[in-house]
Amino acid sequence: KMTLADIVSEIKKPARDPREGMPPVVFRSDVLSIEDLKPDMELTGTVRNVVDFGAFVDIGVKVDGLVHISQLSHKFVKNPMDVVSVGDTVKVKVLSVDPEKQRVSLTMKL
């Protein structure tokens, strides 16, 4: 988490991306499309968006998977932003895949 001083410092350097120092996420080489996904597969991804009902995670296929708010933690979660932030690297497991609707359901309850 960045402090206010860190944020001000980064704003003063607009050409530099603070994520440059972070290690890149390595996606599985055997998962290239939604058709390659199977329930119970464990993957690593990057949180792309956090909404009231959960978080969308880039797992290396065209479609981001959804981690529903009820699947973010074994504990009760009132606000998904208390658990994840955009840019976080997370480990997830595939719950279900619907290639026809282009939907992937994920869980962080590993």
PDB file of N, CA and C in Angstrom:
ATOM      1  N   LYS A   1       0.847  -1.182   0.000  1.00  0.00           N
ATOM      2  CA  LYS A   1       0.000   0.000   0.000  1.00  0.00           C
ATOM      3  C   LYS A   1       0.888   1.239   0.000  1.00  0.00           C
ATOM      4  N   MET A   2       0.488   2.209  -0.798  1.00  0.00           N
ATOM      5  CA  MET A   2       1.254   3.453  -0.891  1.00  0.00           C
ATOM      6  C   MET A   2       0.740   4.468   0.129  1.00  0.00           C
ATOM      7  N   THR A   3       1.656   5.238   0.687  1.00  0.00           N
ATOM      8  CA  THR A   3       1.273   6.322   1.578  1.00  0.00           C
ATOM      9  C   THR A   3       1.021   7.557   0.732  1.00  0.00           C
ATOM     10  N   LEU A   4       0.475   8.579   1.332  1.00  0.00           N
ATOM     11  CA  LEU A   4       0.213   9.820   0.616  1.00  0.00           C
ATOM     12  C   LEU A   4       1.503  10.400   0.052  1.00  0.00           C
ATOM     13  N   ALA A   5       2.594  10.330   0.817  1.00  0.00           N
ATOM     14  CA  ALA A   5       3.888  10.848   0.346  1.00  0.00           C
ATOM     15  C   ALA A   5       4.365  10.073  -0.885  1.00  0.00           C
ATOM     16  N   ASP A   6       4.151   8.744  -0.903  1.00  0.00           N
ATOM     17  CA  ASP A   6       4.527   7.930  -2.064  1.00  0.00           C
ATOM     18  C   ASP A   6       3.725   8.332  -3.299  1.00  0.00           C
ATOM     19  N   ILE A   7       2.442   8.555  -3.105  1.00  0.00           N
ATOM     20  CA  ILE A   7       1.573   8.934  -4.221  1.00  0.00           C
ATOM     21  C   ILE A   7       1.996  10.279  -4.797  1.00  0.00           C
ATOM     22  N   VAL A   8       2.235  11.259  -3.928  1.00  0.00           N
ATOM     23  CA  VAL A   8       2.679  12.583  -4.385  1.00  0.00           C
ATOM     24  C   VAL A   8       4.001  12.459  -5.127  1.00  0.00           C
ATOM     25  N   SER A   9       4.905  11.655  -4.603  1.00  0.00           N
ATOM     26  CA  SER A   9       6.206  11.444  -5.242  1.00  0.00           C
ATOM     27  C   SER A   9       6.040  10.855  -6.643  1.00  0.00           C
ATOM     28  N   GLU A  10       5.132   9.903  -6.808  1.00  0.00           N
ATOM     29  CA  GLU A  10       4.911   9.266  -8.113  1.00  0.00           C
ATOM     30  C   GLU A  10       4.229  10.221  -9.095  1.00  0.00           C
ATOM     31  N   ILE A  11       3.338  11.060  -8.596  1.00  0.00           N
ATOM     32  CA  ILE A  11       2.657  12.024  -9.468  1.00  0.00           C
ATOM     33  C   ILE A  11       3.655  13.020 -10.046  1.00  0.00           C
ATOM     34  N   LYS A  12       4.686  13.334  -9.288  1.00  0.00           N
ATOM     35  CA  LYS A  12       5.709  14.266  -9.767  1.00  0.00           C
ATOM     36  C   LYS A  12       6.570  13.652 -10.866  1.00  0.00           C
ATOM     37  N   LYS A  13       6.481  12.331 -11.062  1.00  0.00           N
ATOM     38  CA  LYS A  13       7.240  11.634 -12.105  1.00  0.00           C
ATOM     39  C   LYS A  13       6.258  10.980 -13.076  1.00  0.00           C
ATOM     40  N   PRO A  14       5.543  11.777 -13.880  1.00  0.00           N
ATOM     41  CA  PRO A  14       4.472  11.220 -14.716  1.00  0.00           C
ATOM     42  C   PRO A  14       4.928  10.236 -15.794  1.00  0.00           C
ATOM     43  N   ALA A  15       6.183  10.267 -16.213  1.00  0.00           N
ATOM     44  CA  ALA A  15       6.631   9.371 -17.280  1.00  0.00           C
ATOM     45  C   ALA A  15       6.988   7.985 -16.752  1.00  0.00           C
ATOM     46  N   ARG A  16       7.089   7.832 -15.451  1.00  0.00           N
ATOM     47  CA  ARG A  16       7.499   6.556 -14.873  1.00  0.00           C
ATOM     48  C   ARG A  16       6.281   5.800 -14.357  1.00  0.00           C
ATOM     49  N   ASP A  17       6.199   4.511 -14.698  1.00  0.00           N
ATOM     50  CA  ASP A  17       5.110   3.657 -14.239  1.00  0.00           C
ATOM     51  C   ASP A  17       5.566   2.942 -12.966  1.00  0.00           C
ATOM     52  N   PRO A  18       4.900   3.155 -11.813  1.00  0.00           N
ATOM     53  CA  PRO A  18       5.338   2.529 -10.563  1.00  0.00           C
ATOM     54  C   PRO A  18       5.249   1.000 -10.586  1.00  0.00           C
ATOM     55  N   ARG A  19       4.540   0.421 -11.573  1.00  0.00           N
ATOM     56  CA  ARG A  19       4.428  -1.036 -11.666  1.00  0.00           C
ATOM     57  C   ARG A  19       5.633  -1.668 -12.343  1.00  0.00           C
ATOM     58  N   GLU A  20       6.563  -0.837 -12.871  1.00  0.00           N
ATOM     59  CA  GLU A  20       7.718  -1.371 -13.586  1.00  0.00           C
ATOM     60  C   GLU A  20       8.548  -2.312 -12.730  1.00  0.00           C
ATOM     61  N   GLY A  21       8.645  -2.048 -11.452  1.00  0.00           N
ATOM     62  CA  GLY A  21       9.471  -2.871 -10.576  1.00  0.00           C
ATOM     63  C   GLY A  21       8.813  -4.173 -10.149  1.00  0.00           C
ATOM     64  N   MET A  22       7.545  -4.355 -10.487  1.00  0.00           N
ATOM     65  CA  MET A  22       6.830  -5.557 -10.081  1.00  0.00           C
ATOM     66  C   MET A  22       7.131  -6.696 -11.051  1.00  0.00           C
ATOM     67  N   PRO A  23       7.258  -7.912 -10.536  1.00  0.00           N
ATOM     68  CA  PRO A  23       7.507  -9.038 -11.436  1.00  0.00           C
ATOM     69  C   PRO A  23       6.278  -9.316 -12.298  1.00  0.00           C
ATOM     70  N   PRO A  24       6.472  -9.675 -13.570  1.00  0.00           N
ATOM     71  CA  PRO A  24       5.323  -9.957 -14.431  1.00  0.00           C
ATOM     72  C   PRO A  24       4.667 -11.280 -14.044  1.00  0.00           C
ATOM     73  N   VAL A  25       3.369 -11.373 -14.294  1.00  0.00           N
ATOM     74  CA  VAL A  25       2.648 -12.615 -14.030  1.00  0.00           C
ATOM     75  C   VAL A  25       2.989 -13.599 -15.142  1.00  0.00           C
ATOM     76  N   VAL A  26       3.307 -14.830 -14.766  1.00  0.00           N
ATOM     77  CA  VAL A  26       3.597 -15.864 -15.751  1.00  0.00           C
ATOM     78  C   VAL A  26       2.353 -16.734 -15.884  1.00  0.00           C
ATOM     79  N   PHE A  27       1.732 -16.676 -17.069  1.00  0.00           N
ATOM     80  CA  PHE A  27       0.540 -17.474 -17.315  1.00  0.00           C
ATOM     81  C   PHE A  27       0.937 -18.888 -17.711  1.00  0.00           C
ATOM     82  N   ARG A  28       0.048 -19.834 -17.491  1.00  0.00           N
ATOM     83  CA  ARG A  28       0.310 -21.221 -17.880  1.00  0.00           C
ATOM     84  C   ARG A  28       0.365 -21.324 -19.396  1.00  0.00           C
ATOM     85  N   SER A  29       1.344 -22.037 -19.903  1.00  0.00           N
ATOM     86  CA  SER A  29       1.511 -22.159 -21.356  1.00  0.00           C
ATOM     87  C   SER A  29       0.486 -23.106 -21.973  1.00  0.00           C
ATOM     88  N   ASP A  30      -0.165 -23.941 -21.150  1.00  0.00           N
ATOM     89  CA  ASP A  30      -1.164 -24.863 -21.686  1.00  0.00           C
ATOM     90  C   ASP A  30      -2.572 -24.268 -21.683  1.00  0.00           C
ATOM     91  N   VAL A  31      -2.715 -23.025 -21.240  1.00  0.00           N
ATOM     92  CA  VAL A  31      -4.015 -22.353 -21.221  1.00  0.00           C
ATOM     93  C   VAL A  31      -3.927 -21.120 -22.113  1.00  0.00           C
ATOM     94  N   LEU A  32      -4.442 -21.265 -23.334  1.00  0.00           N
ATOM     95  CA  LEU A  32      -4.368 -20.172 -24.301  1.00  0.00           C
ATOM     96  C   LEU A  32      -5.737 -19.612 -24.666  1.00  0.00           C
ATOM     97  N   SER A  33      -6.788 -20.394 -24.447  1.00  0.00           N
ATOM     98  CA  SER A  33      -8.136 -19.926 -24.773  1.00  0.00           C
ATOM     99  C   SER A  33      -9.109 -20.442 -23.721  1.00  0.00           C
ATOM    100  N   ILE A  34     -10.319 -19.933 -23.764  1.00  0.00           N
ATOM    101  CA  ILE A  34     -11.335 -20.324 -22.781  1.00  0.00           C
ATOM    102  C   ILE A  34     -11.627 -21.822 -22.871  1.00  0.00           C
ATOM    103  N   GLU A  35     -11.470 -22.399 -24.053  1.00  0.00           N
ATOM    104  CA  GLU A  35     -11.715 -23.831 -24.238  1.00  0.00           C
ATOM    105  C   GLU A  35     -10.684 -24.692 -23.502  1.00  0.00           C
ATOM    106  N   ASP A  36      -9.518 -24.134 -23.198  1.00  0.00           N
ATOM    107  CA  ASP A  36      -8.469 -24.874 -22.483  1.00  0.00           C
ATOM    108  C   ASP A  36      -8.714 -24.940 -20.980  1.00  0.00           C
ATOM    109  N   LEU A  37      -9.627 -24.119 -20.482  1.00  0.00           N
ATOM    110  CA  LEU A  37      -9.896 -24.075 -19.042  1.00  0.00           C
ATOM    111  C   LEU A  37     -10.784 -25.233 -18.610  1.00  0.00           C
ATOM    112  N   LYS A  38     -10.467 -25.795 -17.454  1.00  0.00           N
ATOM    113  CA  LYS A  38     -11.251 -26.889 -16.881  1.00  0.00           C
ATOM    114  C   LYS A  38     -11.485 -26.585 -15.403  1.00  0.00           C
ATOM    115  N   PRO A  39     -12.641 -27.004 -14.859  1.00  0.00           N
ATOM    116  CA  PRO A  39     -12.884 -26.813 -13.428  1.00  0.00           C
ATOM    117  C   PRO A  39     -11.759 -27.421 -12.591  1.00  0.00           C
ATOM    118  N   ASP A  40     -11.447 -26.772 -11.489  1.00  0.00           N
ATOM    119  CA  ASP A  40     -10.410 -27.163 -10.518  1.00  0.00           C
ATOM    120  C   ASP A  40      -8.991 -26.817 -10.951  1.00  0.00           C
ATOM    121  N   MET A  41      -8.805 -26.220 -12.141  1.00  0.00           N
ATOM    122  CA  MET A  41      -7.461 -25.763 -12.538  1.00  0.00           C
ATOM    123  C   MET A  41      -7.057 -24.613 -11.636  1.00  0.00           C
ATOM    124  N   GLU A  42      -5.809 -24.630 -11.167  1.00  0.00           N
ATOM    125  CA  GLU A  42      -5.294 -23.516 -10.377  1.00  0.00           C
ATOM    126  C   GLU A  42      -4.417 -22.655 -11.270  1.00  0.00           C
ATOM    127  N   LEU A  43      -4.659 -21.351 -11.227  1.00  0.00           N
ATOM    128  CA  LEU A  43      -3.979 -20.399 -12.096  1.00  0.00           C
ATOM    129  C   LEU A  43      -3.517 -19.189 -11.300  1.00  0.00           C
ATOM    130  N   THR A  44      -2.626 -18.426 -11.900  1.00  0.00           N
ATOM    131  CA  THR A  44      -2.209 -17.140 -11.346  1.00  0.00           C
ATOM    132  C   THR A  44      -2.709 -16.071 -12.300  1.00  0.00           C
ATOM    133  N   GLY A  45      -3.218 -14.976 -11.755  1.00  0.00           N
ATOM    134  CA  GLY A  45      -3.725 -13.912 -12.605  1.00  0.00           C
ATOM    135  C   GLY A  45      -3.524 -12.548 -11.981  1.00  0.00           C
ATOM    136  N   THR A  46      -3.971 -11.541 -12.718  1.00  0.00           N
ATOM    137  CA  THR A  46      -3.865 -10.151 -12.280  1.00  0.00           C
ATOM    138  C   THR A  46      -5.256  -9.550 -12.172  1.00  0.00           C
ATOM    139  N   VAL A  47      -5.539  -8.906 -11.052  1.00  0.00           N
ATOM    140  CA  VAL A  47      -6.831  -8.249 -10.867  1.00  0.00           C
ATOM    141  C   VAL A  47      -6.913  -7.067 -11.830  1.00  0.00           C
ATOM    142  N   ARG A  48      -7.927  -7.073 -12.689  1.00  0.00           N
ATOM    143  CA  ARG A  48      -8.116  -6.014 -13.685  1.00  0.00           C
ATOM    144  C   ARG A  48      -9.160  -4.987 -13.267  1.00  0.00           C
ATOM    145  N   ASN A  49     -10.156  -5.432 -12.484  1.00  0.00           N
ATOM    146  CA  ASN A  49     -11.217  -4.519 -12.066  1.00  0.00           C
ATOM    147  C   ASN A  49     -11.842  -5.058 -10.784  1.00  0.00           C
ATOM    148  N   VAL A  50     -12.194  -4.146  -9.886  1.00  0.00           N
ATOM    149  CA  VAL A  50     -12.870  -4.521  -8.646  1.00  0.00           C
ATOM    150  C   VAL A  50     -14.211  -3.802  -8.634  1.00  0.00           C
ATOM    151  N   VAL A  51     -15.281  -4.576  -8.458  1.00  0.00           N
ATOM    152  CA  VAL A  51     -16.636  -4.035  -8.461  1.00  0.00           C
ATOM    153  C   VAL A  51     -17.344  -4.486  -7.182  1.00  0.00           C
ATOM    154  N   ASP A  52     -18.553  -3.961  -6.946  1.00  0.00           N
ATOM    155  CA  ASP A  52     -19.284  -4.285  -5.720  1.00  0.00           C
ATOM    156  C   ASP A  52     -19.507  -5.781  -5.537  1.00  0.00           C
ATOM    157  N   PHE A  53     -19.661  -6.520  -6.632  1.00  0.00           N
ATOM    158  CA  PHE A  53     -19.997  -7.942  -6.541  1.00  0.00           C
ATOM    159  C   PHE A  53     -18.799  -8.880  -6.695  1.00  0.00           C
ATOM    160  N   GLY A  54     -17.576  -8.327  -6.786  1.00  0.00           N
ATOM    161  CA  GLY A  54     -16.402  -9.192  -6.892  1.00  0.00           C
ATOM    162  C   GLY A  54     -15.251  -8.539  -7.629  1.00  0.00           C
ATOM    163  N   ALA A  55     -14.410  -9.387  -8.236  1.00  0.00           N
ATOM    164  CA  ALA A  55     -13.228  -8.886  -8.943  1.00  0.00           C
ATOM    165  C   ALA A  55     -13.039  -9.657 -10.245  1.00  0.00           C
ATOM    166  N   PHE A  56     -12.635  -8.937 -11.286  1.00  0.00           N
ATOM    167  CA  PHE A  56     -12.326  -9.558 -12.568  1.00  0.00           C
ATOM    168  C   PHE A  56     -10.822  -9.770 -12.642  1.00  0.00           C
ATOM    169  N   VAL A  57     -10.430 -10.997 -13.006  1.00  0.00           N
ATOM    170  CA  VAL A  57      -9.026 -11.395 -13.001  1.00  0.00           C
ATOM    171  C   VAL A  57      -8.606 -11.847 -14.391  1.00  0.00           C
ATOM    172  N   ASP A  58      -7.499 -11.283 -14.879  1.00  0.00           N
ATOM    173  CA  ASP A  58      -6.903 -11.693 -16.152  1.00  0.00           C
ATOM    174  C   ASP A  58      -6.106 -12.962 -15.895  1.00  0.00           C
ATOM    175  N   ILE A  59      -6.536 -14.072 -16.502  1.00  0.00           N
ATOM    176  CA  ILE A  59      -5.859 -15.357 -16.307  1.00  0.00           C
ATOM    177  C   ILE A  59      -5.168 -15.827 -17.586  1.00  0.00           C
ATOM    178  N   GLY A  60      -5.018 -14.922 -18.541  1.00  0.00           N
ATOM    179  CA  GLY A  60      -4.258 -15.253 -19.740  1.00  0.00           C
ATOM    180  C   GLY A  60      -5.075 -15.724 -20.919  1.00  0.00           C
ATOM    181  N   VAL A  61      -6.395 -15.686 -20.803  1.00  0.00           N
ATOM    182  CA  VAL A  61      -7.254 -15.982 -21.947  1.00  0.00           C
ATOM    183  C   VAL A  61      -7.961 -14.689 -22.321  1.00  0.00           C
ATOM    184  N   LYS A  62      -8.667 -14.687 -23.434  1.00  0.00           N
ATOM    185  CA  LYS A  62      -9.291 -13.463 -23.936  1.00  0.00           C
ATOM    186  C   LYS A  62     -10.264 -12.835 -22.922  1.00  0.00           C
ATOM    187  N   VAL A  63     -10.944 -13.676 -22.172  1.00  0.00           N
ATOM    188  CA  VAL A  63     -11.976 -13.224 -21.238  1.00  0.00           C
ATOM    189  C   VAL A  63     -11.429 -13.217 -19.812  1.00  0.00           C
ATOM    190  N   ASP A  64     -11.673 -12.134 -19.066  1.00  0.00           N
ATOM    191  CA  ASP A  64     -11.305 -12.096 -17.649  1.00  0.00           C
ATOM    192  C   ASP A  64     -12.299 -12.947 -16.865  1.00  0.00           C
ATOM    193  N   GLY A  65     -11.802 -13.661 -15.864  1.00  0.00           N
ATOM    194  CA  GLY A  65     -12.670 -14.459 -15.010  1.00  0.00           C
ATOM    195  C   GLY A  65     -13.195 -13.620 -13.857  1.00  0.00           C
ATOM    196  N   LEU A  66     -14.357 -14.010 -13.344  1.00  0.00           N
ATOM    197  CA  LEU A  66     -14.964 -13.306 -12.213  1.00  0.00           C
ATOM    198  C   LEU A  66     -14.789 -14.108 -10.932  1.00  0.00           C
ATOM    199  N   VAL A  67     -14.244 -13.442  -9.920  1.00  0.00           N
ATOM    200  CA  VAL A  67     -14.234 -13.993  -8.565  1.00  0.00           C
ATOM    201  C   VAL A  67     -15.368 -13.282  -7.842  1.00  0.00           C
ATOM    202  N   HIS A  68     -16.484 -13.991  -7.634  1.00  0.00           N
ATOM    203  CA  HIS A  68     -17.636 -13.397  -6.958  1.00  0.00           C
ATOM    204  C   HIS A  68     -17.241 -13.034  -5.523  1.00  0.00           C
ATOM    205  N   ILE A  69     -17.883 -12.029  -4.962  1.00  0.00           N
ATOM    206  CA  ILE A  69     -17.568 -11.561  -3.610  1.00  0.00           C
ATOM    207  C   ILE A  69     -17.580 -12.708  -2.594  1.00  0.00           C
ATOM    208  N   SER A  70     -18.456 -13.683  -2.794  1.00  0.00           N
ATOM    209  CA  SER A  70     -18.539 -14.820  -1.869  1.00  0.00           C
ATOM    210  C   SER A  70     -17.365 -15.782  -2.019  1.00  0.00           C
ATOM    211  N   GLN A  71     -16.570 -15.622  -3.091  1.00  0.00           N
ATOM    212  CA  GLN A  71     -15.440 -16.509  -3.358  1.00  0.00           C
ATOM    213  C   GLN A  71     -14.088 -15.832  -3.131  1.00  0.00           C
ATOM    214  N   LEU A  72     -14.094 -14.607  -2.608  1.00  0.00           N
ATOM    215  CA  LEU A  72     -12.843 -13.878  -2.382  1.00  0.00           C
ATOM    216  C   LEU A  72     -12.075 -14.379  -1.164  1.00  0.00           C
ATOM    217  N   SER A  73     -12.789 -14.881  -0.168  1.00  0.00           N
ATOM    218  CA  SER A  73     -12.148 -15.275   1.085  1.00  0.00           C
ATOM    219  C   SER A  73     -13.028 -16.278   1.817  1.00  0.00           C
ATOM    220  N   HIS A  74     -12.426 -17.028   2.729  1.00  0.00           N
ATOM    221  CA  HIS A  74     -13.205 -17.936   3.571  1.00  0.00           C
ATOM    222  C   HIS A  74     -13.999 -17.143   4.607  1.00  0.00           C
ATOM    223  N   LYS A  75     -13.603 -15.895   4.854  1.00  0.00           N
ATOM    224  CA  LYS A  75     -14.299 -15.024   5.796  1.00  0.00           C
ATOM    225  C   LYS A  75     -15.303 -14.157   5.037  1.00  0.00           C
ATOM    226  N   PHE A  76     -16.252 -13.571   5.768  1.00  0.00           N
ATOM    227  CA  PHE A  76     -17.230 -12.678   5.156  1.00  0.00           C
ATOM    228  C   PHE A  76     -16.540 -11.439   4.601  1.00  0.00           C
ATOM    229  N   VAL A  77     -16.892 -11.061   3.381  1.00  0.00           N
ATOM    230  CA  VAL A  77     -16.331  -9.869   2.747  1.00  0.00           C
ATOM    231  C   VAL A  77     -17.472  -8.902   2.466  1.00  0.00           C
ATOM    232  N   LYS A  78     -17.392  -7.716   3.071  1.00  0.00           N
ATOM    233  CA  LYS A  78     -18.407  -6.692   2.837  1.00  0.00           C
ATOM    234  C   LYS A  78     -18.060  -5.874   1.600  1.00  0.00           C
ATOM    235  N   ASN A  79     -16.769  -5.573   1.449  1.00  0.00           N
ATOM    236  CA  ASN A  79     -16.312  -4.752   0.330  1.00  0.00           C
ATOM    237  C   ASN A  79     -15.129  -5.455  -0.344  1.00  0.00           C
ATOM    238  N   PRO A  80     -15.259  -5.836  -1.609  1.00  0.00           N
ATOM    239  CA  PRO A  80     -14.161  -6.525  -2.303  1.00  0.00           C
ATOM    240  C   PRO A  80     -12.841  -5.758  -2.276  1.00  0.00           C
ATOM    241  N   MET A  81     -12.914  -4.428  -2.208  1.00  0.00           N
ATOM    242  CA  MET A  81     -11.691  -3.621  -2.197  1.00  0.00           C
ATOM    243  C   MET A  81     -10.901  -3.773  -0.894  1.00  0.00           C
ATOM    244  N   ASP A  82     -11.518  -4.392   0.116  1.00  0.00           N
ATOM    245  CA  ASP A  82     -10.795  -4.695   1.350  1.00  0.00           C
ATOM    246  C   ASP A  82      -9.883  -5.912   1.167  1.00  0.00           C
ATOM    247  N   VAL A  83     -10.139  -6.697   0.118  1.00  0.00           N
ATOM    248  CA  VAL A  83      -9.404  -7.944  -0.105  1.00  0.00           C
ATOM    249  C   VAL A  83      -8.426  -7.831  -1.274  1.00  0.00           C
ATOM    250  N   VAL A  84      -8.862  -7.217  -2.373  1.00  0.00           N
ATOM    251  CA  VAL A  84      -8.020  -7.109  -3.572  1.00  0.00           C
ATOM    252  C   VAL A  84      -8.041  -5.690  -4.125  1.00  0.00           C
ATOM    253  N   SER A  85      -7.005  -5.379  -4.903  1.00  0.00           N
ATOM    254  CA  SER A  85      -6.900  -4.089  -5.585  1.00  0.00           C
ATOM    255  C   SER A  85      -6.506  -4.347  -7.029  1.00  0.00           C
ATOM    256  N   VAL A  86      -6.816  -3.404  -7.892  1.00  0.00           N
ATOM    257  CA  VAL A  86      -6.412  -3.508  -9.289  1.00  0.00           C
ATOM    258  C   VAL A  86      -4.891  -3.629  -9.351  1.00  0.00           C
ATOM    259  N   GLY A  87      -4.422  -4.600 -10.133  1.00  0.00           N
ATOM    260  CA  GLY A  87      -2.991  -4.821 -10.279  1.00  0.00           C
ATOM    261  C   GLY A  87      -2.435  -5.918  -9.393  1.00  0.00           C
ATOM    262  N   ASP A  88      -3.211  -6.363  -8.398  1.00  0.00           N
ATOM    263  CA  ASP A  88      -2.752  -7.445  -7.519  1.00  0.00           C
ATOM    264  C   ASP A  88      -2.569  -8.739  -8.305  1.00  0.00           C
ATOM    265  N   THR A  89      -1.544  -9.491  -7.953  1.00  0.00           N
ATOM    266  CA  THR A  89      -1.360 -10.835  -8.493  1.00  0.00           C
ATOM    267  C   THR A  89      -2.013 -11.797  -7.518  1.00  0.00           C
ATOM    268  N   VAL A  90      -2.912 -12.643  -8.025  1.00  0.00           N
ATOM    269  CA  VAL A  90      -3.666 -13.552  -7.159  1.00  0.00           C
ATOM    270  C   VAL A  90      -3.637 -14.978  -7.701  1.00  0.00           C
ATOM    271  N   LYS A  91      -3.763 -15.935  -6.796  1.00  0.00           N
ATOM    272  CA  LYS A  91      -3.905 -17.339  -7.176  1.00  0.00           C
ATOM    273  C   LYS A  91      -5.396 -17.656  -7.134  1.00  0.00           C
ATOM    274  N   VAL A  92      -5.887 -18.293  -8.196  1.00  0.00           N
ATOM    275  CA  VAL A  92      -7.305 -18.612  -8.300  1.00  0.00           C
ATOM    276  C   VAL A  92      -7.488 -20.053  -8.770  1.00  0.00           C
ATOM    277  N   LYS A  93      -8.704 -20.553  -8.546  1.00  0.00           N
ATOM    278  CA  LYS A  93      -9.073 -21.871  -9.053  1.00  0.00           C
ATOM    279  C   LYS A  93     -10.335 -21.699  -9.886  1.00  0.00           C
ATOM    280  N   VAL A  94     -10.406 -22.408 -11.006  1.00  0.00           N
ATOM    281  CA  VAL A  94     -11.564 -22.339 -11.897  1.00  0.00           C
ATOM    282  C   VAL A  94     -12.718 -23.117 -11.269  1.00  0.00           C
ATOM    283  N   LEU A  95     -13.869 -22.456 -11.129  1.00  0.00           N
ATOM    284  CA  LEU A  95     -15.078 -23.117 -10.639  1.00  0.00           C
ATOM    285  C   LEU A  95     -15.896 -23.655 -11.801  1.00  0.00           C
ATOM    286  N   SER A  96     -16.112 -22.797 -12.808  1.00  0.00           N
ATOM    287  CA  SER A  96     -16.887 -23.219 -13.975  1.00  0.00           C
ATOM    288  C   SER A  96     -16.498 -22.383 -15.186  1.00  0.00           C
ATOM    289  N   VAL A  97     -16.763 -22.961 -16.360  1.00  0.00           N
ATOM    290  CA  VAL A  97     -16.445 -22.303 -17.626  1.00  0.00           C
ATOM    291  C   VAL A  97     -17.659 -22.438 -18.534  1.00  0.00           C
ATOM    292  N   ASP A  98     -18.077 -21.333 -19.147  1.00  0.00           N
ATOM    293  CA  ASP A  98     -19.159 -21.357 -20.130  1.00  0.00           C
ATOM    294  C   ASP A  98     -18.636 -20.720 -21.415  1.00  0.00           C
ATOM    295  N   PRO A  99     -18.046 -21.540 -22.313  1.00  0.00           N
ATOM    296  CA  PRO A  99     -17.472 -20.985 -23.549  1.00  0.00           C
ATOM    297  C   PRO A  99     -18.508 -20.278 -24.424  1.00  0.00           C
ATOM    298  N   GLU A 100     -19.749 -20.765 -24.384  1.00  0.00           N
ATOM    299  CA  GLU A 100     -20.801 -20.174 -25.210  1.00  0.00           C
ATOM    300  C   GLU A 100     -21.095 -18.729 -24.792  1.00  0.00           C
ATOM    301  N   LYS A 101     -21.179 -18.497 -23.484  1.00  0.00           N
ATOM    302  CA  LYS A 101     -21.442 -17.150 -22.962  1.00  0.00           C
ATOM    303  C   LYS A 101     -20.158 -16.376 -22.685  1.00  0.00           C
ATOM    304  N   GLN A 102     -18.999 -17.036 -22.898  1.00  0.00           N
ATOM    305  CA  GLN A 102     -17.695 -16.412 -22.636  1.00  0.00           C
ATOM    306  C   GLN A 102     -17.583 -15.964 -21.180  1.00  0.00           C
ATOM    307  N   ARG A 103     -17.908 -16.890 -20.251  1.00  0.00           N
ATOM    308  CA  ARG A 103     -17.846 -16.591 -18.819  1.00  0.00           C
ATOM    309  C   ARG A 103     -16.987 -17.615 -18.094  1.00  0.00           C
ATOM    310  N   VAL A 104     -16.193 -17.105 -17.165  1.00  0.00           N
ATOM    311  CA  VAL A 104     -15.341 -17.958 -16.345  1.00  0.00           C
ATOM    312  C   VAL A 104     -15.565 -17.568 -14.888  1.00  0.00           C
ATOM    313  N   SER A 105     -15.948 -18.541 -14.066  1.00  0.00           N
ATOM    314  CA  SER A 105     -16.137 -18.305 -12.633  1.00  0.00           C
ATOM    315  C   SER A 105     -14.923 -18.832 -11.892  1.00  0.00           C
ATOM    316  N   LEU A 106     -14.400 -17.999 -10.994  1.00  0.00           N
ATOM    317  CA  LEU A 106     -13.181 -18.334 -10.259  1.00  0.00           C
ATOM    318  C   LEU A 106     -13.410 -18.235  -8.759  1.00  0.00           C
ATOM    319  N   THR A 107     -12.509 -18.847  -7.991  1.00  0.00           N
ATOM    320  CA  THR A 107     -12.514 -18.700  -6.539  1.00  0.00           C
ATOM    321  C   THR A 107     -11.092 -18.431  -6.058  1.00  0.00           C
ATOM    322  N   MET A 108     -10.992 -17.690  -4.978  1.00  0.00           N
ATOM    323  CA  MET A 108      -9.702 -17.487  -4.315  1.00  0.00           C
ATOM    324  C   MET A 108      -9.636 -18.317  -3.038  1.00  0.00           C
ATOM    325  N   LYS A 109     -10.644 -19.151  -2.806  1.00  0.00           N
ATOM    326  CA  LYS A 109     -10.672 -20.045  -1.641  1.00  0.00           C
ATOM    327  C   LYS A 109      -9.898 -21.307  -1.999  1.00  0.00           C
ATOM    328  N   LEU A 110      -8.586 -21.252  -1.843  1.00  0.00           N
ATOM    329  CA  LEU A 110      -7.746 -22.397  -2.212  1.00  0.00           C
ATOM    330  C   LEU A 110      -7.442 -23.262  -1.015  1.00  0.00           C
TER     331      LEU A 110
END
